[in-house]
Amino acid sequence: MILTRLKEQRRLKDMLGDATSVLVVACNACTAVHRTGGTKEAEALAESLTTDEDKLTIDVTAVPRQCDLALVGDRLEPGKHQLILSTACGAGLQALATAFPDHIVLPAADTMLIGYKGEEEDTVLEGCHACGDCFVDRTAGLCPLARCPKGLLNGPCGGQVDGMCEVDVQAIPCVWVLIWRRLSALGRAGQLLRVEPPRDWRSERHPRTGVEGI
């Protein structure tokens, strides 16, 4: 799951400028699940951006997944609108920009993290750094790149307090303590004796094509 957060009203109005016709495109995948950018949120956003004094017309539409170019191209016809305002994550927005190069596509939301839904209602926990070279087979299925504020590969650091991270000792558990506890329970704590070498960052954050299964 990708977690997003709608931008502040002032920032959105600055981006729209003097536009008189805007198409708000909702994404009914990740953002709808977490109620940050699905159809209902897009409709509420459109209503909040217009007033009786404005000469701004805002239409709202939605696609099942903005990050799928086939779905975007088949379902949207933004022709008459000056601007497209996307409530999706950064990937969905870039799909729109690719599908409609003659239109200005703007972000209505900030992409916060890739995570998974927690046990508590409305919580998403960061779980993946999308590094392109997953090594959680050695860390009990927990990613220290994503869950350690320092991104330590061989932790924990000296700042953990009673199993909690020094960044916020009330709310953030030290992921390396969690890793140690989980591996110990599985009888595999010896894995932590291996020193993880520096990461090869060439596998991260570059255009990838021909990825199987997508």
Protein backbone atom coordinates (compact mmCIF):
# COMPACT_ATOMS: atom_id res chain seq x y z
CA MET A 1 0.00 0.00 0.00
CA ILE A 2 1.19 3.50 -0.82
CA LEU A 3 0.22 6.20 1.66
CA THR A 4 -0.49 9.73 0.46
CA ARG A 5 -1.59 12.98 2.05
CA LEU A 6 -3.56 15.75 0.35
CA LYS A 7 -1.74 19.04 0.07
CA GLU A 8 -2.86 22.11 1.96
CA GLN A 9 -5.54 24.28 0.38
CA ARG A 10 -3.23 27.26 0.01
CA ARG A 11 -0.67 25.20 -1.89
CA LEU A 12 -3.32 23.73 -4.16
CA LYS A 13 -4.83 27.11 -5.00
CA ASP A 14 -1.36 28.47 -5.77
CA MET A 15 -0.81 25.61 -8.21
CA LEU A 16 -4.15 26.16 -9.94
CA GLY A 17 -3.43 29.86 -10.39
CA ASP A 18 -5.83 31.51 -12.84
CA ALA A 19 -7.12 28.30 -14.36
CA THR A 20 -10.85 28.25 -15.09
CA SER A 21 -11.29 24.54 -15.92
CA VAL A 22 -9.75 21.71 -13.91
CA LEU A 23 -10.23 17.95 -14.01
CA VAL A 24 -9.64 16.22 -10.68
CA VAL A 25 -8.71 12.58 -11.25
CA ALA A 26 -9.19 10.22 -8.32
CA CYS A 27 -7.41 6.90 -7.92
CA ASN A 28 -9.53 4.08 -6.52
CA ALA A 29 -6.59 1.86 -5.59
CA CYS A 30 -4.23 2.62 -2.68
CA THR A 31 -5.49 6.14 -2.02
CA ALA A 32 -9.10 4.97 -1.89
CA VAL A 33 -8.28 2.19 0.57
CA HIS A 34 -6.72 4.67 2.98
CA ARG A 35 -9.31 7.35 2.18
CA THR A 36 -6.89 10.00 0.99
CA GLY A 37 -7.52 10.22 -2.74
CA GLY A 38 -10.42 8.04 -3.86
CA THR A 39 -13.60 9.29 -5.50
CA LYS A 40 -15.16 10.64 -2.30
CA GLU A 41 -12.01 12.51 -1.34
CA ALA A 42 -11.65 13.92 -4.86
CA GLU A 43 -15.23 15.17 -4.80
CA ALA A 44 -14.71 16.80 -1.40
CA LEU A 45 -11.48 18.36 -2.64
CA ALA A 46 -13.19 19.81 -5.70
CA GLU A 47 -15.93 21.31 -3.55
CA SER A 48 -13.42 22.84 -1.16
CA LEU A 49 -11.52 24.53 -4.00
CA THR A 50 -14.52 26.35 -5.44
CA THR A 51 -16.48 29.28 -4.09
CA ASP A 52 -19.41 31.32 -5.40
CA GLU A 53 -16.99 34.10 -6.38
CA ASP A 54 -14.70 31.81 -8.40
CA LYS A 55 -14.88 31.43 -12.14
CA LEU A 56 -13.39 28.00 -11.71
CA THR A 57 -15.12 24.89 -13.01
CA ILE A 58 -13.93 21.60 -11.53
CA ASP A 59 -15.00 18.21 -12.81
CA VAL A 60 -14.22 14.96 -11.03
CA THR A 61 -13.56 11.55 -12.50
CA ALA A 62 -11.84 8.38 -11.33
CA VAL A 63 -9.91 5.39 -12.57
CA PRO A 64 -9.33 2.04 -10.84
CA ARG A 65 -5.55 2.58 -10.87
CA GLN A 66 -3.79 5.67 -12.14
CA CYS A 67 -0.47 3.83 -12.29
CA ASP A 68 -1.79 1.67 -15.17
CA LEU A 69 -1.36 3.48 -18.49
CA ALA A 70 -3.85 1.19 -20.24
CA LEU A 71 -6.59 2.07 -17.75
CA VAL A 72 -5.77 5.77 -17.81
CA GLY A 73 -5.74 6.05 -21.58
CA ASP A 74 -8.98 4.13 -22.06
CA ARG A 75 -11.04 5.89 -19.40
CA LEU A 76 -10.05 9.57 -19.44
CA GLU A 77 -10.83 12.35 -21.91
CA PRO A 78 -9.41 15.53 -20.37
CA GLY A 79 -9.56 17.49 -23.64
CA LYS A 80 -11.45 20.64 -22.58
CA HIS A 81 -9.73 21.09 -19.23
CA GLN A 82 -6.74 23.38 -18.76
CA LEU A 83 -5.28 21.41 -15.86
CA ILE A 84 -5.40 17.88 -14.50
CA LEU A 85 -5.19 17.54 -10.72
CA SER A 86 -4.26 14.03 -9.59
CA THR A 87 -5.08 12.69 -6.13
CA ALA A 88 -2.91 9.59 -6.71
CA CYS A 89 0.63 8.86 -5.61
CA GLY A 90 3.62 10.11 -7.58
CA ALA A 91 3.57 7.04 -9.81
CA GLY A 92 -0.07 7.56 -10.77
CA LEU A 93 0.51 11.23 -11.49
CA GLN A 94 3.42 10.43 -13.78
CA ALA A 95 1.26 7.92 -15.64
CA LEU A 96 -1.26 10.70 -16.29
CA ALA A 97 1.49 13.04 -17.45
CA THR A 98 2.76 10.36 -19.81
CA ALA A 99 -0.70 9.57 -21.18
CA PHE A 100 -1.62 13.23 -21.73
CA PRO A 101 1.57 15.13 -22.63
CA ASP A 102 -0.42 18.13 -23.93
CA HIS A 103 -1.94 18.79 -20.50
CA ILE A 104 -0.45 20.18 -17.32
CA VAL A 105 -0.76 17.51 -14.63
CA LEU A 106 -0.48 18.66 -11.01
CA PRO A 107 -0.20 16.73 -7.72
CA ALA A 108 -3.05 17.11 -5.25
CA ALA A 109 -1.22 14.87 -2.79
CA ASP A 110 2.20 14.11 -1.36
CA THR A 111 3.44 10.52 -1.42
CA MET A 112 4.52 9.59 2.09
CA LEU A 113 5.58 5.93 2.13
CA ILE A 114 5.19 2.36 0.92
CA GLY A 115 3.78 0.35 3.76
CA TYR A 116 1.25 -2.11 5.08
CA LYS A 117 -1.95 -1.70 7.05
CA GLY A 118 -1.44 -2.07 10.78
CA GLU A 119 -3.66 -3.80 13.30
CA GLU A 120 -5.07 -0.50 14.54
CA GLU A 121 -7.68 1.29 12.45
CA ASP A 122 -6.33 3.82 9.92
CA THR A 123 -2.68 3.00 10.51
CA VAL A 124 -0.16 2.29 7.78
CA LEU A 125 3.34 1.20 8.77
CA GLU A 126 6.29 1.86 6.49
CA GLY A 127 7.61 -1.44 5.27
CA CYS A 128 9.53 -1.09 2.01
CA HIS A 129 12.21 1.26 0.71
CA ALA A 130 11.92 -0.06 -2.87
CA CYS A 131 15.69 -0.50 -3.04
CA GLY A 132 15.54 -3.03 -5.86
CA ASP A 133 17.65 -5.63 -4.02
CA CYS A 134 15.58 -7.09 -1.20
CA PHE A 135 17.58 -8.70 1.62
CA VAL A 136 14.94 -9.25 4.30
CA ASP A 137 15.62 -12.98 4.09
CA ARG A 138 18.48 -12.14 6.46
CA THR A 139 16.48 -9.81 8.71
CA ALA A 140 13.43 -11.90 9.62
CA GLY A 141 11.21 -10.26 7.01
CA LEU A 142 11.68 -6.76 8.44
CA CYS A 143 13.34 -4.02 6.36
CA PRO A 144 15.85 -1.88 8.27
CA LEU A 145 16.24 0.49 5.33
CA ALA A 146 12.61 1.49 5.62
CA ARG A 147 12.06 1.09 9.35
CA CYS A 148 15.29 2.42 10.83
CA PRO A 149 15.42 6.25 10.69
CA LYS A 150 19.17 5.97 10.10
CA GLY A 151 18.82 3.20 7.53
CA LEU A 152 21.38 1.09 9.36
CA LEU A 153 22.37 -2.18 7.73
CA ASN A 154 24.14 -3.56 10.79
CA GLY A 155 22.28 -2.37 13.85
CA PRO A 156 21.21 -1.50 16.36
CA CYS A 157 22.96 1.79 17.04
CA GLY A 158 23.80 2.98 20.53
CA GLY A 159 20.71 5.17 20.68
CA GLN A 160 18.06 2.53 21.25
CA VAL A 161 16.48 2.63 24.70
CA ASP A 162 14.78 -0.49 26.03
CA GLY A 163 14.05 -1.61 22.49
CA MET A 164 12.75 1.78 21.36
CA CYS A 165 14.33 4.14 18.81
CA GLU A 166 15.97 7.31 20.12
CA VAL A 167 14.11 9.31 17.47
CA ASP A 168 10.88 8.72 19.41
CA VAL A 169 11.24 6.41 22.40
CA GLN A 170 7.48 6.46 22.95
CA ALA A 171 6.31 5.46 19.48
CA ILE A 172 9.06 3.92 17.32
CA PRO A 173 10.38 0.46 18.16
CA CYS A 174 13.97 -0.22 17.16
CA VAL A 175 13.65 -2.45 14.13
CA TRP A 176 16.99 -4.13 14.85
CA VAL A 177 15.76 -5.18 18.28
CA LEU A 178 12.63 -6.55 16.61
CA ILE A 179 14.80 -8.39 14.10
CA TRP A 180 16.95 -9.90 16.86
CA ARG A 181 13.90 -11.00 18.87
CA ARG A 182 12.23 -12.56 15.85
CA LEU A 183 15.37 -14.37 14.67
CA SER A 184 16.02 -15.59 18.22
CA ALA A 185 12.52 -17.01 18.45
CA LEU A 186 13.10 -18.80 15.16
CA GLY A 187 16.46 -20.15 16.27
CA ARG A 188 18.28 -18.16 13.62
CA ALA A 189 19.93 -15.35 15.62
CA GLY A 190 23.30 -16.46 14.27
CA GLN A 191 22.41 -14.72 11.01
CA LEU A 192 23.14 -11.42 12.72
CA LEU A 193 26.84 -12.34 12.94
CA ARG A 194 27.08 -11.71 9.23
CA VAL A 195 28.17 -8.15 8.41
CA GLU A 196 25.99 -6.69 5.69
CA PRO A 197 28.18 -4.95 3.07
CA PRO A 198 27.38 -1.47 1.72
CA ARG A 199 24.37 -1.48 -0.58
CA ASP A 200 24.71 -1.37 -4.35
CA TRP A 201 22.44 1.59 -5.00
CA ARG A 202 22.53 1.09 -8.76
CA SER A 203 19.45 -1.11 -8.35
CA GLU A 204 17.39 1.68 -6.80
CA ARG A 205 15.44 4.55 -8.32
CA HIS A 206 16.17 4.25 -11.99
CA PRO A 207 13.79 3.58 -14.89
CA ARG A 208 12.98 -0.10 -15.05
CA THR A 209 11.43 -1.70 -18.12
CA GLY A 210 10.40 -5.23 -18.92
CA VAL A 211 9.77 -6.19 -15.30
CA GLU A 212 8.11 -9.58 -15.21
CA GLY A 213 4.74 -9.82 -13.56
CA ILE A 214 3.74 -6.20 -14.06
